């Protein structure tokens, strides 16, 4: 479970970094790319949160 928690933290940090890069990007295509990457990373983080919550409920 520690591995999942560490992965979750990494995904959320990476998503924040992508958001920052998107805000600083002057090229509209790059801005859109980094916004999409941030959204995808947050989606993956939500999936891991669901797994962690289900493990917690089942007592694993």
PDB file of N, CA and C in Angstrom:
ATOM      1  N   UNK A   1       0.821  -1.187   0.000  1.00  0.00           N
ATOM      2  CA  UNK A   1       0.000   0.000   0.000  1.00  0.00           C
ATOM      3  C   UNK A   1       0.873   1.262   0.000  1.00  0.00           C
ATOM      4  N   UNK A   2       2.076   1.175   0.577  1.00  0.00           N
ATOM      5  CA  UNK A   2       2.973   2.322   0.560  1.00  0.00           C
ATOM      6  C   UNK A   2       3.338   2.702  -0.870  1.00  0.00           C
ATOM      7  N   UNK A   3       3.518   1.681  -1.720  1.00  0.00           N
ATOM      8  CA  UNK A   3       3.872   1.942  -3.114  1.00  0.00           C
ATOM      9  C   UNK A   3       2.772   2.725  -3.821  1.00  0.00           C
ATOM     10  N   UNK A   4       1.525   2.340  -3.555  1.00  0.00           N
ATOM     11  CA  UNK A   4       0.405   3.051  -4.180  1.00  0.00           C
ATOM     12  C   UNK A   4       0.319   4.476  -3.676  1.00  0.00           C
ATOM     13  N   UNK A   5       0.538   4.660  -2.396  1.00  0.00           N
ATOM     14  CA  UNK A   5       0.490   6.006  -1.821  1.00  0.00           C
ATOM     15  C   UNK A   5       1.589   6.880  -2.415  1.00  0.00           C
ATOM     16  N   UNK A   6       2.775   6.316  -2.568  1.00  0.00           N
ATOM     17  CA  UNK A   6       3.886   7.061  -3.156  1.00  0.00           C
ATOM     18  C   UNK A   6       3.582   7.402  -4.612  1.00  0.00           C
ATOM     19  N   UNK A   7       2.996   6.450  -5.328  1.00  0.00           N
ATOM     20  CA  UNK A   7       2.631   6.686  -6.736  1.00  0.00           C
ATOM     21  C   UNK A   7       1.571   7.781  -6.832  1.00  0.00           C
ATOM     22  N   UNK A   8       0.603   7.754  -5.926  1.00  0.00           N
ATOM     23  CA  UNK A   8      -0.444   8.775  -5.902  1.00  0.00           C
ATOM     24  C   UNK A   8       0.169  10.158  -5.684  1.00  0.00           C
ATOM     25  N   UNK A   9       1.044  10.269  -4.720  1.00  0.00           N
ATOM     26  CA  UNK A   9       1.698  11.551  -4.441  1.00  0.00           C
ATOM     27  C   UNK A   9       2.486  12.045  -5.651  1.00  0.00           C
ATOM     28  N   UNK A  10       3.181  11.126  -6.319  1.00  0.00           N
ATOM     29  CA  UNK A  10       3.967  11.486  -7.505  1.00  0.00           C
ATOM     30  C   UNK A  10       3.056  11.970  -8.637  1.00  0.00           C
ATOM     31  N   UNK A  11       1.949  11.288  -8.854  1.00  0.00           N
ATOM     32  CA  UNK A  11       1.016  11.699  -9.908  1.00  0.00           C
ATOM     33  C   UNK A  11       0.457  13.094  -9.638  1.00  0.00           C
ATOM     34  N   UNK A  12       0.095  13.362  -8.396  1.00  0.00           N
ATOM     35  CA  UNK A  12      -0.467  14.667  -8.056  1.00  0.00           C
ATOM     36  C   UNK A  12       0.578  15.780  -8.202  1.00  0.00           C
ATOM     37  N   UNK A  13       1.810  15.484  -7.822  1.00  0.00           N
ATOM     38  CA  UNK A  13       2.896  16.459  -7.990  1.00  0.00           C
ATOM     39  C   UNK A  13       3.144  16.730  -9.467  1.00  0.00           C
ATOM     40  N   UNK A  14       3.176  15.667 -10.255  1.00  0.00           N
ATOM     41  CA  UNK A  14       3.390  15.827 -11.700  1.00  0.00           C
ATOM     42  C   UNK A  14       2.247  16.617 -12.341  1.00  0.00           C
ATOM     43  N   UNK A  15       1.025  16.387 -11.886  1.00  0.00           N
ATOM     44  CA  UNK A  15      -0.120  17.128 -12.421  1.00  0.00           C
ATOM     45  C   UNK A  15       0.013  18.618 -12.113  1.00  0.00           C
ATOM     46  N   UNK A  16       0.450  18.941 -10.904  1.00  0.00           N
ATOM     47  CA  UNK A  16       0.661  20.347 -10.548  1.00  0.00           C
ATOM     48  C   UNK A  16       1.751  20.974 -11.415  1.00  0.00           C
ATOM     49  N   UNK A  17       2.810  20.218 -11.656  1.00  0.00           N
ATOM     50  CA  UNK A  17       3.893  20.711 -12.515  1.00  0.00           C
ATOM     51  C   UNK A  17       3.380  20.976 -13.930  1.00  0.00           C
ATOM     52  N   UNK A  18       2.570  20.070 -14.453  1.00  0.00           N
ATOM     53  CA  UNK A  18       2.012  20.257 -15.800  1.00  0.00           C
ATOM     54  C   UNK A  18       1.099  21.478 -15.849  1.00  0.00           C
ATOM     55  N   UNK A  19       0.335  21.690 -14.793  1.00  0.00           N
ATOM     56  CA  UNK A  19      -0.515  22.887 -14.739  1.00  0.00           C
ATOM     57  C   UNK A  19       0.336  24.158 -14.779  1.00  0.00           C
ATOM     58  N   UNK A  20       1.408  24.151 -14.038  1.00  0.00           N
ATOM     59  CA  UNK A  20       2.297  25.311 -14.016  1.00  0.00           C
ATOM     60  C   UNK A  20       2.918  25.548 -15.390  1.00  0.00           C
ATOM     61  N   UNK A  21       3.388  24.498 -16.012  1.00  0.00           N
ATOM     62  CA  UNK A  21       3.973  24.625 -17.347  1.00  0.00           C
ATOM     63  C   UNK A  21       2.931  25.139 -18.331  1.00  0.00           C
ATOM     64  N   UNK A  22       1.707  24.635 -18.227  1.00  0.00           N
ATOM     65  CA  UNK A  22       0.638  25.080 -19.125  1.00  0.00           C
ATOM     66  C   UNK A  22       0.378  26.575 -18.955  1.00  0.00           C
ATOM     67  N   UNK A  23       0.389  27.042 -17.722  1.00  0.00           N
ATOM     68  CA  UNK A  23       0.145  28.468 -17.475  1.00  0.00           C
ATOM     69  C   UNK A  23       1.263  29.350 -18.024  1.00  0.00           C
ATOM     70  N   UNK A  24       2.472  28.805 -18.041  1.00  0.00           N
ATOM     71  CA  UNK A  24       3.618  29.572 -18.510  1.00  0.00           C
ATOM     72  C   UNK A  24       3.851  29.453 -20.014  1.00  0.00           C
ATOM     73  N   UNK A  25       3.227  28.469 -20.633  1.00  0.00           N
ATOM     74  CA  UNK A  25       3.464  28.230 -22.057  1.00  0.00           C
ATOM     75  C   UNK A  25       2.878  29.363 -22.904  1.00  0.00           C
ATOM     76  N   UNK A  26       3.650  29.790 -23.872  1.00  0.00           N
ATOM     77  CA  UNK A  26       3.179  30.832 -24.784  1.00  0.00           C
ATOM     78  C   UNK A  26       2.592  30.232 -26.054  1.00  0.00           C
ATOM     79  N   UNK A  27       2.969  29.014 -26.359  1.00  0.00           N
ATOM     80  CA  UNK A  27       2.457  28.313 -27.526  1.00  0.00           C
ATOM     81  C   UNK A  27       1.113  27.656 -27.153  1.00  0.00           C
ATOM     82  N   UNK A  28       0.032  27.991 -27.851  1.00  0.00           N
ATOM     83  CA  UNK A  28      -1.279  27.430 -27.508  1.00  0.00           C
ATOM     84  C   UNK A  28      -1.340  25.899 -27.593  1.00  0.00           C
ATOM     85  N   UNK A  29      -0.608  25.322 -28.536  1.00  0.00           N
ATOM     86  CA  UNK A  29      -0.611  23.861 -28.647  1.00  0.00           C
ATOM     87  C   UNK A  29       0.083  23.210 -27.456  1.00  0.00           C
ATOM     88  N   UNK A  30       1.179  23.784 -27.020  1.00  0.00           N
ATOM     89  CA  UNK A  30       1.883  23.257 -25.851  1.00  0.00           C
ATOM     90  C   UNK A  30       1.048  23.457 -24.593  1.00  0.00           C
ATOM     91  N   UNK A  31       0.382  24.601 -24.504  1.00  0.00           N
ATOM     92  CA  UNK A  31      -0.488  24.856 -23.353  1.00  0.00           C
ATOM     93  C   UNK A  31      -1.574  23.783 -23.274  1.00  0.00           C
ATOM     94  N   UNK A  32      -2.205  23.512 -24.397  1.00  0.00           N
ATOM     95  CA  UNK A  32      -3.263  22.497 -24.441  1.00  0.00           C
ATOM     96  C   UNK A  32      -2.716  21.113 -24.101  1.00  0.00           C
ATOM     97  N   UNK A  33      -1.524  20.809 -24.591  1.00  0.00           N
ATOM     98  CA  UNK A  33      -0.905  19.519 -24.306  1.00  0.00           C
ATOM     99  C   UNK A  33      -0.675  19.342 -22.812  1.00  0.00           C
ATOM    100  N   UNK A  34      -0.101  20.338 -22.165  1.00  0.00           N
ATOM    101  CA  UNK A  34       0.181  20.211 -20.739  1.00  0.00           C
ATOM    102  C   UNK A  34      -1.097  20.240 -19.893  1.00  0.00           C
ATOM    103  N   UNK A  35      -2.122  20.934 -20.343  1.00  0.00           N
ATOM    104  CA  UNK A  35      -3.410  20.885 -19.643  1.00  0.00           C
ATOM    105  C   UNK A  35      -3.992  19.479 -19.727  1.00  0.00           C
ATOM    106  N   UNK A  36      -3.872  18.857 -20.890  1.00  0.00           N
ATOM    107  CA  UNK A  36      -4.367  17.487 -21.079  1.00  0.00           C
ATOM    108  C   UNK A  36      -3.561  16.516 -20.233  1.00  0.00           C
ATOM    109  N   UNK A  37      -2.244  16.676 -20.215  1.00  0.00           N
ATOM    110  CA  UNK A  37      -1.409  15.815 -19.385  1.00  0.00           C
ATOM    111  C   UNK A  37      -1.790  15.927 -17.911  1.00  0.00           C
ATOM    112  N   UNK A  38      -2.031  17.133 -17.444  1.00  0.00           N
ATOM    113  CA  UNK A  38      -2.430  17.332 -16.047  1.00  0.00           C
ATOM    114  C   UNK A  38      -3.751  16.631 -15.761  1.00  0.00           C
ATOM    115  N   UNK A  39      -4.696  16.746 -16.674  1.00  0.00           N
ATOM    116  CA  UNK A  39      -5.995  16.093 -16.490  1.00  0.00           C
ATOM    117  C   UNK A  39      -5.837  14.571 -16.476  1.00  0.00           C
ATOM    118  N   UNK A  40      -5.012  14.042 -17.367  1.00  0.00           N
ATOM    119  CA  UNK A  40      -4.790  12.596 -17.407  1.00  0.00           C
ATOM    120  C   UNK A  40      -4.114  12.093 -16.128  1.00  0.00           C
ATOM    121  N   UNK A  41      -3.149  12.859 -15.637  1.00  0.00           N
ATOM    122  CA  UNK A  41      -2.469  12.477 -14.396  1.00  0.00           C
ATOM    123  C   UNK A  41      -3.439  12.496 -13.210  1.00  0.00           C
ATOM    124  N   UNK A  42      -4.306  13.488 -13.173  1.00  0.00           N
ATOM    125  CA  UNK A  42      -5.296  13.541 -12.080  1.00  0.00           C
ATOM    126  C   UNK A  42      -6.302  12.396 -12.179  1.00  0.00           C
ATOM    127  N   UNK A  43      -6.635  12.008 -13.386  1.00  0.00           N
ATOM    128  CA  UNK A  43      -7.526  10.872 -13.580  1.00  0.00           C
ATOM    129  C   UNK A  43      -6.883   9.589 -13.054  1.00  0.00           C
ATOM    130  N   UNK A  44      -5.628   9.414 -13.352  1.00  0.00           N
ATOM    131  CA  UNK A  44      -4.900   8.243 -12.834  1.00  0.00           C
ATOM    132  C   UNK A  44      -4.821   8.292 -11.313  1.00  0.00           C
ATOM    133  N   UNK A  45      -4.616   9.475 -10.772  1.00  0.00           N
ATOM    134  CA  UNK A  45      -4.562   9.630  -9.314  1.00  0.00           C
ATOM    135  C   UNK A  45      -5.905   9.264  -8.680  1.00  0.00           C
ATOM    136  N   UNK A  46      -6.995   9.665  -9.319  1.00  0.00           N
ATOM    137  CA  UNK A  46      -8.327   9.305  -8.799  1.00  0.00           C
ATOM    138  C   UNK A  46      -8.520   7.793  -8.787  1.00  0.00           C
ATOM    139  N   UNK A  47      -8.035   7.129  -9.824  1.00  0.00           N
ATOM    140  CA  UNK A  47      -8.136   5.667  -9.879  1.00  0.00           C
ATOM    141  C   UNK A  47      -7.383   5.032  -8.710  1.00  0.00           C
ATOM    142  N   UNK A  48      -6.208   5.541  -8.429  1.00  0.00           N
ATOM    143  CA  UNK A  48      -5.430   5.002  -7.307  1.00  0.00           C
ATOM    144  C   UNK A  48      -6.118   5.306  -5.977  1.00  0.00           C
ATOM    145  N   UNK A  49      -6.704   6.486  -5.853  1.00  0.00           N
ATOM    146  CA  UNK A  49      -7.440   6.820  -4.622  1.00  0.00           C
ATOM    147  C   UNK A  49      -8.585   5.841  -4.394  1.00  0.00           C
ATOM    148  N   UNK A  50      -9.254   5.451  -5.458  1.00  0.00           N
ATOM    149  CA  UNK A  50     -10.352   4.484  -5.345  1.00  0.00           C
ATOM    150  C   UNK A  50      -9.826   3.143  -4.857  1.00  0.00           C
ATOM    151  N   UNK A  51      -8.711   2.710  -5.414  1.00  0.00           N
ATOM    152  CA  UNK A  51      -8.108   1.442  -4.984  1.00  0.00           C
ATOM    153  C   UNK A  51      -7.703   1.519  -3.521  1.00  0.00           C
ATOM    154  N   UNK A  52      -7.066   2.607  -3.126  1.00  0.00           N
ATOM    155  CA  UNK A  52      -6.653   2.760  -1.726  1.00  0.00           C
ATOM    156  C   UNK A  52      -7.854   2.764  -0.793  1.00  0.00           C
ATOM    157  N   UNK A  53      -8.928   3.441  -1.193  1.00  0.00           N
ATOM    158  CA  UNK A  53     -10.129   3.483  -0.363  1.00  0.00           C
ATOM    159  C   UNK A  53     -10.750   2.093  -0.234  1.00  0.00           C
ATOM    160  N   UNK A  54     -10.771   1.342  -1.313  1.00  0.00           N
ATOM    161  CA  UNK A  54     -11.355  -0.004  -1.252  1.00  0.00           C
ATOM    162  C   UNK A  54     -10.505  -0.939  -0.393  1.00  0.00           C
ATOM    163  N   UNK A  55      -9.177  -0.768  -0.443  1.00  0.00           N
ATOM    164  CA  UNK A  55      -8.294  -1.569   0.387  1.00  0.00           C
ATOM    165  C   UNK A  55      -8.480  -1.231   1.869  1.00  0.00           C
ATOM    166  N   UNK A  56      -8.682   0.043   2.127  1.00  0.00           N
ATOM    167  CA  UNK A  56      -8.875   0.489   3.517  1.00  0.00           C
ATOM    168  C   UNK A  56     -10.182  -0.079   4.079  1.00  0.00           C
ATOM    169  N   UNK A  57     -11.234  -0.065   3.244  1.00  0.00           N
ATOM    170  CA  UNK A  57     -12.530  -0.573   3.682  1.00  0.00           C
ATOM    171  C   UNK A  57     -12.494  -2.086   3.931  1.00  0.00           C
ATOM    172  N   UNK A  58     -11.738  -2.799   3.117  1.00  0.00           N
ATOM    173  CA  UNK A  58     -11.687  -4.253   3.255  1.00  0.00           C
ATOM    174  C   UNK A  58     -10.675  -4.692   4.307  1.00  0.00           C
ATOM    175  N   UNK A  59      -9.903  -3.733   4.824  1.00  0.00           N
ATOM    176  CA  UNK A  59      -8.956  -4.036   5.889  1.00  0.00           C
ATOM    177  C   UNK A  59      -7.641  -4.594   5.430  1.00  0.00           C
ATOM    178  N   UNK A  60      -7.322  -4.459   4.154  1.00  0.00           N
ATOM    179  CA  UNK A  60      -6.046  -4.963   3.622  1.00  0.00           C
ATOM    180  C   UNK A  60      -4.910  -4.058   3.969  1.00  0.00           C
TER     181      UNK A  60
END
